[in-house]
Amino acid sequence: LSRKTWNSPAIRGALSTLSEQQGLNSEVLVRAVRTRWNTVTEVIQRALQMKEVLGDLCDMHQFNKDKRGPRLRRFILSEDEWVLLDDLFRLLDPFLFATKQISTSKRAVVQEVIPFIDVLTNHVDSFRNDEDLAPSVRAAAERGRAILDKYYQRTDESIVYRIAMSKSSFSDSLMCTYAYFSPAPTVQGSVLPGCQLGG
């Protein structure tokens, strides 16, 4: 749907009009970029923000009347599918936050990266162990844990890891701040227990 929207001025215009009528801050969907995996999280986030108008957009007659046209009605999601998207966003959002924080520096240093991995590991564990979530979401968390472990195990071979951990408080503080202001209870539950905020 995002690709169809970006490729059609008519669809973009209709979405902008619907968004303005509903008082939404966003007027267009985010376009995914193959070489930037974090854009998947941003695509989902924007879709959730525009949920109330996307159904109306996809149901418009002018975008469904021709078999050679965009046929947007096939992109209408059920309520269960919206719940799934929300769960996936809550799983992926801390990765987006960590990536942006690390990317703001001219160079990524070990004492900043390792604490993020620690927190993200706890985060994906909370998702893969949550039996209330869809199997696909838990499987995604399981895959994420495997990738985190793959790279984390490499620190066992270097003394740099032990030296760097004495300088890790800055990244710990960033992730704790993120969790404190996060609207997602799952994020708060996986991060805040290890934080010391305030007094």
Protein backbone atom coordinates (compact mmCIF):
# COMPACT_ATOMS: atom_id res chain seq x y z
CA LEU A 1 0.00 0.00 0.00
CA SER A 2 2.85 2.36 0.79
CA ARG A 3 4.43 1.72 -2.61
CA LYS A 4 1.11 2.21 -4.40
CA THR A 5 0.60 5.49 -2.56
CA TRP A 6 4.04 6.83 -3.44
CA ASN A 7 3.67 5.86 -7.09
CA SER A 8 0.29 7.55 -7.56
CA PRO A 9 -0.29 11.32 -7.15
CA ALA A 10 -4.05 10.64 -7.11
CA ILE A 11 -3.78 8.21 -4.18
CA ARG A 12 -1.43 10.53 -2.31
CA GLY A 13 -3.83 13.40 -2.82
CA ALA A 14 -6.80 11.39 -1.57
CA LEU A 15 -4.87 10.22 1.48
CA SER A 16 -3.80 13.78 2.25
CA THR A 17 -7.41 14.96 2.05
CA LEU A 18 -8.65 12.19 4.35
CA SER A 19 -5.87 12.90 6.84
CA GLU A 20 -6.66 16.61 6.89
CA GLN A 21 -10.35 15.88 7.48
CA GLN A 22 -9.48 13.67 10.46
CA GLY A 23 -6.96 16.16 11.86
CA LEU A 24 -3.99 13.81 11.51
CA ASN A 25 -0.46 15.19 11.58
CA SER A 26 0.73 12.84 8.80
CA GLU A 27 -0.46 13.09 5.22
CA VAL A 28 1.45 10.26 3.53
CA LEU A 29 2.73 6.78 4.29
CA VAL A 30 6.44 6.13 4.79
CA ARG A 31 8.21 4.48 1.88
CA ALA A 32 10.30 1.41 2.70
CA VAL A 33 13.94 1.41 1.56
CA ARG A 34 15.55 -1.97 0.92
CA THR A 35 18.98 -0.88 2.15
CA ARG A 36 17.60 0.60 5.38
CA TRP A 37 15.88 -2.15 7.38
CA ASN A 38 14.69 0.28 10.04
CA THR A 39 12.30 1.83 7.55
CA VAL A 40 10.10 -1.26 8.03
CA THR A 41 9.49 -0.10 11.60
CA GLU A 42 8.75 3.42 10.38
CA VAL A 43 6.34 2.10 7.74
CA ILE A 44 4.40 0.19 10.40
CA GLN A 45 4.44 3.14 12.80
CA ARG A 46 3.01 5.53 10.21
CA ALA A 47 0.36 3.01 9.16
CA LEU A 48 -0.77 2.66 12.79
CA GLN A 49 -0.93 6.44 13.11
CA MET A 50 -3.11 6.64 9.97
CA LYS A 51 -5.22 3.57 10.70
CA GLU A 52 -8.51 5.45 10.86
CA VAL A 53 -8.19 6.78 7.29
CA LEU A 54 -6.43 3.93 5.48
CA GLY A 55 -9.55 1.77 5.38
CA ASP A 56 -11.53 4.61 3.79
CA LEU A 57 -8.74 5.22 1.27
CA CYS A 58 -8.61 1.56 0.25
CA ASP A 59 -12.39 1.40 -0.11
CA MET A 60 -12.66 4.35 -2.52
CA HIS A 61 -14.43 3.41 -5.74
CA GLN A 62 -11.98 5.21 -8.02
CA PHE A 63 -9.13 3.04 -6.79
CA ASN A 64 -10.97 -0.25 -7.26
CA LYS A 65 -13.07 0.06 -10.41
CA ASP A 66 -10.47 -1.14 -12.93
CA LYS A 67 -8.74 -4.54 -12.81
CA ARG A 68 -5.62 -2.84 -14.20
CA GLY A 69 -5.80 -0.14 -11.55
CA PRO A 70 -4.34 -0.11 -8.02
CA ARG A 71 -7.19 -2.24 -6.54
CA LEU A 72 -6.60 -0.90 -3.04
CA ARG A 73 -9.46 -2.82 -1.44
CA ARG A 74 -7.20 -5.88 -1.18
CA PHE A 75 -5.06 -3.97 1.32
CA ILE A 76 -7.85 -3.47 3.87
CA LEU A 77 -6.77 -5.09 7.14
CA SER A 78 -8.90 -6.92 9.67
CA GLU A 79 -8.81 -5.90 13.32
CA ASP A 80 -6.66 -8.95 14.11
CA GLU A 81 -4.16 -7.88 11.47
CA TRP A 82 -3.98 -4.38 12.99
CA VAL A 83 -3.28 -5.96 16.39
CA LEU A 84 -0.50 -7.99 14.79
CA LEU A 85 1.04 -4.86 13.28
CA ASP A 86 0.90 -3.12 16.64
CA ASP A 87 2.66 -6.05 18.31
CA LEU A 88 5.35 -6.06 15.62
CA PHE A 89 5.88 -2.34 16.05
CA ARG A 90 6.32 -2.72 19.81
CA LEU A 91 8.86 -5.46 19.14
CA LEU A 92 10.85 -3.45 16.60
CA ASP A 93 10.65 0.07 18.02
CA PRO A 94 13.48 -0.31 20.60
CA PHE A 95 15.77 -1.47 17.78
CA LEU A 96 14.94 1.69 15.85
CA PHE A 97 15.67 3.80 18.91
CA ALA A 98 19.01 2.08 19.59
CA THR A 99 20.08 2.35 15.96
CA LYS A 100 19.34 6.06 15.83
CA GLN A 101 21.18 6.70 19.09
CA ILE A 102 24.26 4.83 17.94
CA SER A 103 24.13 6.46 14.50
CA THR A 104 24.24 9.98 15.94
CA SER A 105 27.87 9.40 16.86
CA LYS A 106 30.62 9.62 14.25
CA ARG A 107 31.74 6.20 15.41
CA ALA A 108 30.08 3.38 17.32
CA VAL A 109 32.11 2.38 20.36
CA VAL A 110 31.81 -0.83 22.34
CA GLN A 111 30.78 0.76 25.63
CA GLU A 112 27.76 2.30 23.90
CA VAL A 113 26.72 -0.71 21.80
CA ILE A 114 26.91 -3.53 24.38
CA PRO A 115 24.38 -2.05 26.86
CA PHE A 116 21.91 -1.64 24.00
CA ILE A 117 22.35 -5.31 23.13
CA ASP A 118 21.73 -6.27 26.78
CA VAL A 119 18.48 -4.35 26.90
CA LEU A 120 17.34 -5.54 23.48
CA THR A 121 18.03 -9.14 24.48
CA ASN A 122 15.75 -8.79 27.51
CA HIS A 123 13.19 -7.09 25.30
CA VAL A 124 12.99 -9.87 22.69
CA ASP A 125 12.93 -12.48 25.47
CA SER A 126 9.82 -10.88 26.93
CA PHE A 127 8.14 -11.13 23.53
CA ARG A 128 9.12 -14.68 22.68
CA ASN A 129 7.90 -15.85 26.09
CA ASP A 130 4.56 -14.04 25.88
CA GLU A 131 1.98 -16.70 25.01
CA ASP A 132 -0.67 -14.05 24.40
CA LEU A 133 1.15 -12.87 21.27
CA ALA A 134 0.68 -14.34 17.80
CA PRO A 135 3.08 -17.17 16.86
CA SER A 136 4.51 -15.04 14.05
CA VAL A 137 5.46 -12.26 16.48
CA ARG A 138 7.03 -14.71 18.92
CA ALA A 139 8.93 -16.32 16.02
CA ALA A 140 10.24 -12.90 14.99
CA ALA A 141 11.42 -12.32 18.56
CA GLU A 142 13.10 -15.74 18.55
CA ARG A 143 14.92 -14.89 15.34
CA GLY A 144 15.97 -11.54 16.75
CA ARG A 145 17.40 -13.26 19.83
CA ALA A 146 19.43 -15.63 17.64
CA ILE A 147 20.96 -12.73 15.72
CA LEU A 148 21.74 -10.80 18.92
CA ASP A 149 23.42 -13.88 20.39
CA LYS A 150 25.46 -14.39 17.23
CA TYR A 151 27.13 -11.01 17.55
CA TYR A 152 27.22 -10.87 21.33
CA GLN A 153 29.20 -14.11 21.53
CA ARG A 154 32.04 -12.46 19.67
CA THR A 155 32.73 -10.26 22.68
CA ASP A 156 33.95 -13.35 24.55
CA GLU A 157 37.03 -13.35 22.35
CA SER A 158 38.12 -9.81 23.16
CA ILE A 159 39.39 -8.05 26.27
CA VAL A 160 38.00 -4.81 24.84
CA TYR A 161 34.55 -5.86 26.05
CA ARG A 162 35.61 -5.96 29.72
CA ILE A 163 37.39 -2.63 29.47
CA ALA A 164 34.43 -1.00 27.71
CA MET A 165 31.88 -2.09 30.30
CA SER A 166 33.38 0.27 32.85
CA LYS A 167 32.22 3.13 30.60
CA SER A 168 28.72 1.93 29.76
CA SER A 169 26.53 4.13 31.97
CA PHE A 170 25.70 6.60 29.18
CA SER A 171 23.93 4.03 26.97
CA ASP A 172 22.22 2.49 29.98
CA SER A 173 20.78 5.90 30.82
CA LEU A 174 19.55 6.45 27.25
CA MET A 175 17.67 3.17 27.12
CA CYS A 176 16.18 3.72 30.57
CA THR A 177 14.96 7.14 29.49
CA TYR A 178 13.45 5.63 26.34
CA ALA A 179 11.65 2.94 28.35
CA TYR A 180 10.36 5.44 30.90
CA PHE A 181 8.63 7.51 28.23
CA SER A 182 7.58 4.58 26.04
CA PRO A 183 3.80 4.02 25.79
CA ALA A 184 4.38 0.28 25.38
CA PRO A 185 4.00 -1.69 28.65
CA THR A 186 6.10 -4.52 27.22
CA VAL A 187 9.02 -2.17 26.64
CA GLN A 188 8.71 -0.74 30.14
CA GLY A 189 8.52 -4.21 31.64
CA SER A 190 11.67 -5.43 29.92
CA VAL A 191 13.82 -2.34 30.52
CA LEU A 192 12.71 -0.42 33.61
CA PRO A 193 13.41 -3.16 36.22
CA GLY A 194 17.13 -2.66 35.60
CA CYS A 195 16.98 1.13 35.76
CA GLN A 196 17.49 3.57 38.59
CA LEU A 197 15.53 6.68 37.66
CA GLY A 198 15.15 9.69 39.84
CA GLY A 199 16.17 10.35 43.46
